[in-house]
Amino acid sequence: MEIKLGSLKRDAEEAEGTAIIIDVFRAFTTAAIAFDHGAKEITLFAEPTDALALHKKGVGDYLMGEVDGKKPEGFDFGNSPHEISQVDLTGKTLIQSTRAGTVGVEAASKALQIFLGSFVVAQATVDAIKAENPELVSIIAMGDQGVVRSDEDEHCGIYLRNIMEERKPDFNAVKSLILKGGATQKFFDPQQPQYHPGGRYPRFGGRPLPICHEDQPRGWADSSPKARWLDLGCEPVQCQVLSPGTLGLPSAIKSNTA
């Protein structure tokens, strides 16, 4: 199995084989939380206007997504794991549009298969791909709006490659780097309420909680601001691997990338 690392929309456009499109903050953490809260299907669109147009035709129960981190006009939910976790989505179908992750999925028209990547489904995604044993895996970190690299997505790509190659990366080290990264600081900025900045960073047993990691128990620090740790991707979920097949995406992606 050959593994290639890439970044941003330009590399998504060239991704071949099995592609993993990464958007940690926050699209594909939000999608994972949506499935964990009962969502049946998510259809992805790069452009919010296209998502709205489809919804107006009666497709999808809810719209979720962001433009510049904020909920677009006409959408039901923003691109927030915290916000989506407050809703019973049992049996519901969603349409998601963001400025990085869903753009990358639409751009990856050369890929044979696409998985949506974040730390919260990292191991599940690797397990599914290794079971299929493709010749080529293209891991694409989408970064900020698909044009500027971001620490969390780049580190997630390296993390995925390491566990795919059966190395054991130190997640605490990865977490520390991400927490100090520029993209993380908005979660602590009271001037950006869409990122739920209130309160202290949650701690469990005196230690900062992992970001977007699936191998931790529930029940962390109930007194800590749930908004913060969900939007940093700290809530562990046991959800299906995010891929076109499980998302019900093949026809939507084909029709929007043709």
Protein backbone atom coordinates (compact mmCIF):
# COMPACT_ATOMS: atom_id res chain seq x y z
CA MET A 1 0.00 0.00 0.00
CA GLU A 2 1.44 3.35 -1.08
CA ILE A 3 0.49 6.34 1.08
CA LYS A 4 0.77 9.90 -0.18
CA LEU A 5 0.31 13.03 1.91
CA GLY A 6 -1.09 16.20 0.38
CA SER A 7 -2.59 19.51 1.38
CA LEU A 8 -5.33 21.90 0.34
CA LYS A 9 -7.75 21.94 -2.56
CA ARG A 10 -5.01 21.76 -5.19
CA ASP A 11 -3.89 18.35 -3.92
CA ALA A 12 -7.46 17.16 -3.43
CA GLU A 13 -7.97 17.75 -7.14
CA GLU A 14 -5.06 15.39 -7.89
CA ALA A 15 -5.84 12.74 -5.26
CA GLU A 16 -6.09 9.23 -6.68
CA GLY A 17 -6.89 5.80 -5.33
CA THR A 18 -8.57 5.86 -1.92
CA ALA A 19 -8.63 9.43 -0.62
CA ILE A 20 -9.00 10.65 2.95
CA ILE A 21 -10.17 14.27 2.99
CA ILE A 22 -9.35 15.78 6.40
CA ASP A 23 -11.21 18.62 8.11
CA VAL A 24 -10.73 18.45 11.89
CA PHE A 25 -11.96 21.99 12.73
CA ARG A 26 -14.78 21.33 12.28
CA ALA A 27 -16.63 19.76 9.34
CA PHE A 28 -15.80 16.09 9.72
CA THR A 29 -15.85 16.17 13.50
CA THR A 30 -19.34 17.68 13.18
CA ALA A 31 -20.37 14.97 10.72
CA ALA A 32 -19.16 12.27 13.11
CA ILE A 33 -21.13 13.80 15.99
CA ALA A 34 -24.21 13.98 13.75
CA PHE A 35 -24.01 10.26 13.06
CA ASP A 36 -23.43 9.58 16.74
CA HIS A 37 -26.69 11.41 17.44
CA GLY A 38 -28.71 9.34 15.00
CA ALA A 39 -28.33 10.94 11.57
CA LYS A 40 -29.19 8.56 8.74
CA GLU A 41 -27.37 10.24 5.87
CA ILE A 42 -25.33 13.35 5.06
CA THR A 43 -25.01 14.82 1.58
CA LEU A 44 -22.08 17.16 0.98
CA PHE A 45 -21.93 20.29 -1.16
CA ALA A 46 -19.05 22.67 -1.71
CA GLU A 47 -21.31 25.69 -2.20
CA PRO A 48 -23.99 26.70 0.32
CA THR A 49 -26.20 28.00 -2.49
CA ASP A 50 -26.28 24.51 -4.01
CA ALA A 51 -27.11 23.01 -0.62
CA LEU A 52 -29.96 25.49 -0.18
CA ALA A 53 -31.28 24.81 -3.67
CA LEU A 54 -31.42 21.07 -3.05
CA HIS A 55 -33.08 21.58 0.32
CA LYS A 56 -35.75 23.78 -1.27
CA LYS A 57 -36.60 20.84 -3.54
CA GLY A 58 -37.51 18.86 -0.44
CA VAL A 59 -34.25 16.96 0.02
CA GLY A 60 -32.80 16.70 3.53
CA ASP A 61 -34.34 17.42 6.91
CA TYR A 62 -31.66 19.89 7.99
CA LEU A 63 -28.91 22.07 6.56
CA MET A 64 -25.64 22.48 8.48
CA GLY A 65 -22.41 24.23 7.62
CA GLU A 66 -20.44 27.44 7.63
CA VAL A 67 -19.05 30.36 5.69
CA ASP A 68 -16.21 32.10 7.54
CA GLY A 69 -17.04 29.93 10.54
CA LYS A 70 -20.61 31.22 10.77
CA LYS A 71 -23.92 29.57 9.96
CA PRO A 72 -25.04 30.61 6.46
CA GLU A 73 -28.39 32.31 6.04
CA GLY A 74 -31.15 29.75 5.65
CA PHE A 75 -29.21 26.95 7.37
CA ASP A 76 -30.52 25.17 10.45
CA PHE A 77 -27.18 24.59 12.14
CA GLY A 78 -23.65 25.90 11.97
CA ASN A 79 -20.55 23.78 11.52
CA SER A 80 -20.43 23.00 15.23
CA PRO A 81 -20.07 19.61 16.92
CA HIS A 82 -21.48 21.18 20.09
CA GLU A 83 -24.53 22.60 18.36
CA ILE A 84 -25.33 19.41 16.47
CA SER A 85 -24.92 17.35 19.64
CA GLN A 86 -27.90 19.14 21.18
CA VAL A 87 -30.30 17.77 18.56
CA ASP A 88 -32.00 14.38 18.26
CA LEU A 89 -31.12 13.44 14.69
CA THR A 90 -32.51 9.92 14.76
CA GLY A 91 -33.42 8.93 11.22
CA LYS A 92 -32.79 12.43 9.86
CA THR A 93 -30.99 13.29 6.63
CA LEU A 94 -28.61 16.25 6.56
CA ILE A 95 -26.99 18.43 3.94
CA GLN A 96 -23.58 19.88 4.86
CA SER A 97 -21.61 22.65 3.19
CA THR A 98 -18.35 24.11 4.52
CA ARG A 99 -15.47 26.08 3.08
CA ALA A 100 -12.82 23.37 3.43
CA GLY A 101 -13.89 19.77 3.99
CA THR A 102 -16.83 19.54 1.62
CA VAL A 103 -14.92 21.58 -0.96
CA GLY A 104 -12.17 18.95 -0.79
CA VAL A 105 -14.61 16.09 -1.26
CA GLU A 106 -16.09 17.70 -4.33
CA ALA A 107 -12.63 18.48 -5.70
CA ALA A 108 -11.41 14.89 -5.33
CA SER A 109 -13.09 13.69 -8.50
CA LYS A 110 -10.11 11.51 -9.51
CA ALA A 111 -10.33 9.40 -6.36
CA LEU A 112 -11.89 5.96 -6.55
CA GLN A 113 -13.21 6.19 -3.01
CA ILE A 114 -13.36 8.96 -0.41
CA PHE A 115 -13.26 8.81 3.37
CA LEU A 116 -13.84 11.87 5.55
CA GLY A 117 -11.01 12.31 8.04
CA SER A 118 -10.75 13.66 11.58
CA PHE A 119 -9.17 12.41 14.77
CA VAL A 120 -12.51 11.28 16.14
CA VAL A 121 -12.80 8.54 13.50
CA ALA A 122 -9.08 8.06 12.83
CA GLN A 123 -8.73 4.45 13.93
CA ALA A 124 -12.05 3.39 12.44
CA THR A 125 -11.09 4.92 9.11
CA VAL A 126 -7.69 3.23 9.08
CA ASP A 127 -9.25 -0.13 9.98
CA ALA A 128 -11.73 0.13 7.11
CA ILE A 129 -9.07 1.10 4.58
CA LYS A 130 -6.65 -1.61 5.68
CA ALA A 131 -9.40 -4.19 5.36
CA GLU A 132 -9.77 -3.21 1.69
CA ASN A 133 -5.98 -2.94 1.17
CA PRO A 134 -6.00 -0.48 -1.75
CA GLU A 135 -2.84 0.07 -3.78
CA LEU A 136 -2.82 3.83 -3.17
CA VAL A 137 -4.10 6.01 -0.32
CA SER A 138 -4.06 9.80 -0.75
CA ILE A 139 -4.35 11.68 2.56
CA ILE A 140 -5.31 15.32 2.03
CA ALA A 141 -5.26 17.92 4.83
CA MET A 142 -7.67 20.64 3.73
CA GLY A 143 -6.55 23.42 6.08
CA ASP A 144 -8.18 26.83 6.27
CA GLN A 145 -10.71 27.16 3.44
CA GLY A 146 -8.65 24.77 1.36
CA VAL A 147 -5.96 27.37 0.66
CA VAL A 148 -3.86 27.76 3.84
CA ARG A 149 -2.36 24.84 5.75
CA SER A 150 -3.49 24.34 9.34
CA ASP A 151 -1.77 22.50 12.18
CA GLU A 152 -4.71 20.28 13.15
CA ASP A 153 -5.31 18.92 9.65
CA GLU A 154 -1.62 18.46 8.83
CA HIS A 155 -1.01 16.61 12.10
CA CYS A 156 -4.11 14.48 11.54
CA GLY A 157 -2.73 13.43 8.15
CA ILE A 158 0.59 12.37 9.65
CA TYR A 159 -1.24 10.65 12.51
CA LEU A 160 -3.36 8.65 10.07
CA ARG A 161 -0.30 7.64 8.05
CA ASN A 162 1.54 6.53 11.17
CA ILE A 163 -1.23 4.28 12.44
CA MET A 164 -1.83 2.98 8.92
CA GLU A 165 1.85 1.97 8.84
CA GLU A 166 1.43 0.35 12.29
CA ARG A 167 3.48 2.88 14.19
CA LYS A 168 2.15 4.20 17.48
CA PRO A 169 2.13 8.00 17.45
CA ASP A 170 2.10 9.86 20.76
CA PHE A 171 -1.29 11.51 20.75
CA ASN A 172 -0.45 13.71 23.73
CA ALA A 173 2.39 15.23 21.73
CA VAL A 174 0.09 15.76 18.76
CA LYS A 175 -2.55 17.31 21.00
CA SER A 176 -0.04 19.73 22.51
CA LEU A 177 1.05 20.94 19.08
CA ILE A 178 -2.53 21.45 17.96
CA LEU A 179 -3.52 23.36 21.09
CA LYS A 180 -0.70 25.81 20.44
CA GLY A 181 -1.59 26.19 16.76
CA GLY A 182 -3.03 29.34 15.30
CA ALA A 183 -6.32 27.76 14.21
CA THR A 184 -7.09 26.66 17.78
CA GLN A 185 -6.97 30.14 19.27
CA LYS A 186 -10.37 31.13 17.90
CA PHE A 187 -11.96 28.66 20.32
CA PHE A 188 -10.77 30.91 23.15
CA ASP A 189 -11.73 34.24 21.54
CA PRO A 190 -14.84 35.86 23.08
CA GLN A 191 -15.17 37.98 19.94
CA GLN A 192 -15.99 34.82 17.95
CA PRO A 193 -19.07 33.32 19.65
CA GLN A 194 -19.61 30.85 16.80
CA TYR A 195 -16.70 28.88 18.28
CA HIS A 196 -18.23 28.75 21.80
CA PRO A 197 -15.24 30.33 23.58
CA GLY A 198 -16.68 30.62 27.11
CA GLY A 199 -14.98 29.07 30.12
CA ARG A 200 -11.79 27.18 30.73
CA TYR A 201 -10.38 24.39 28.65
CA PRO A 202 -11.80 21.20 30.20
CA ARG A 203 -9.58 18.95 32.20
CA PHE A 204 -9.96 15.40 33.41
CA GLY A 205 -7.85 14.16 36.30
CA GLY A 206 -5.81 17.36 36.08
CA ARG A 207 -4.93 16.79 32.42
CA PRO A 208 -6.20 18.56 29.31
CA LEU A 209 -8.62 16.42 27.35
CA PRO A 210 -7.61 14.95 24.00
CA ILE A 211 -8.69 16.68 20.83
CA CYS A 212 -10.87 14.63 18.51
CA HIS A 213 -9.69 11.27 19.76
CA GLU A 214 -11.86 8.17 19.91
CA ASP A 215 -10.01 6.07 22.47
CA GLN A 216 -11.22 7.73 25.67
CA PRO A 217 -14.16 7.02 27.99
CA ARG A 218 -17.22 9.22 28.21
CA GLY A 219 -18.13 11.09 31.36
CA TRP A 220 -15.35 13.67 31.27
CA ALA A 221 -15.49 16.74 33.52
CA ASP A 222 -19.22 17.40 33.57
CA SER A 223 -18.65 20.81 35.12
CA SER A 224 -16.48 21.94 32.22
CA PRO A 225 -17.99 23.86 29.31
CA LYS A 226 -19.36 21.24 26.96
CA ALA A 227 -19.33 23.71 24.11
CA ARG A 228 -15.57 24.08 24.29
CA TRP A 229 -14.62 20.46 24.35
CA LEU A 230 -17.11 19.43 21.72
CA ASP A 231 -16.01 22.13 19.32
CA LEU A 232 -12.40 21.16 19.89
CA GLY A 233 -13.53 17.66 18.94
CA CYS A 234 -13.03 16.12 22.35
CA GLU A 235 -16.23 14.11 22.50
CA PRO A 236 -15.45 10.47 21.64
CA VAL A 237 -17.96 8.89 19.32
CA GLN A 238 -18.62 5.35 18.25
CA CYS A 239 -19.96 6.06 14.79
CA GLN A 240 -19.70 4.49 11.41
CA VAL A 241 -16.67 5.27 9.27
CA LEU A 242 -17.39 8.34 7.19
CA SER A 243 -17.20 7.51 3.51
CA PRO A 244 -19.33 8.01 0.40
CA GLY A 245 -20.93 4.61 0.87
CA THR A 246 -21.96 5.19 4.47
CA LEU A 247 -22.95 8.79 3.80
CA GLY A 248 -25.11 7.95 0.81
CA LEU A 249 -22.95 10.23 -1.33
CA PRO A 250 -22.05 8.56 -4.63
CA SER A 251 -24.80 10.12 -6.74
CA ALA A 252 -24.51 13.54 -5.08
CA ILE A 253 -20.76 13.72 -5.55
CA LYS A 254 -20.89 12.49 -9.13
CA SER A 255 -23.58 14.95 -10.10
CA ASN A 256 -21.68 17.84 -8.53
CA THR A 257 -18.24 17.01 -9.92
CA ALA A 258 -19.24 16.09 -13.45
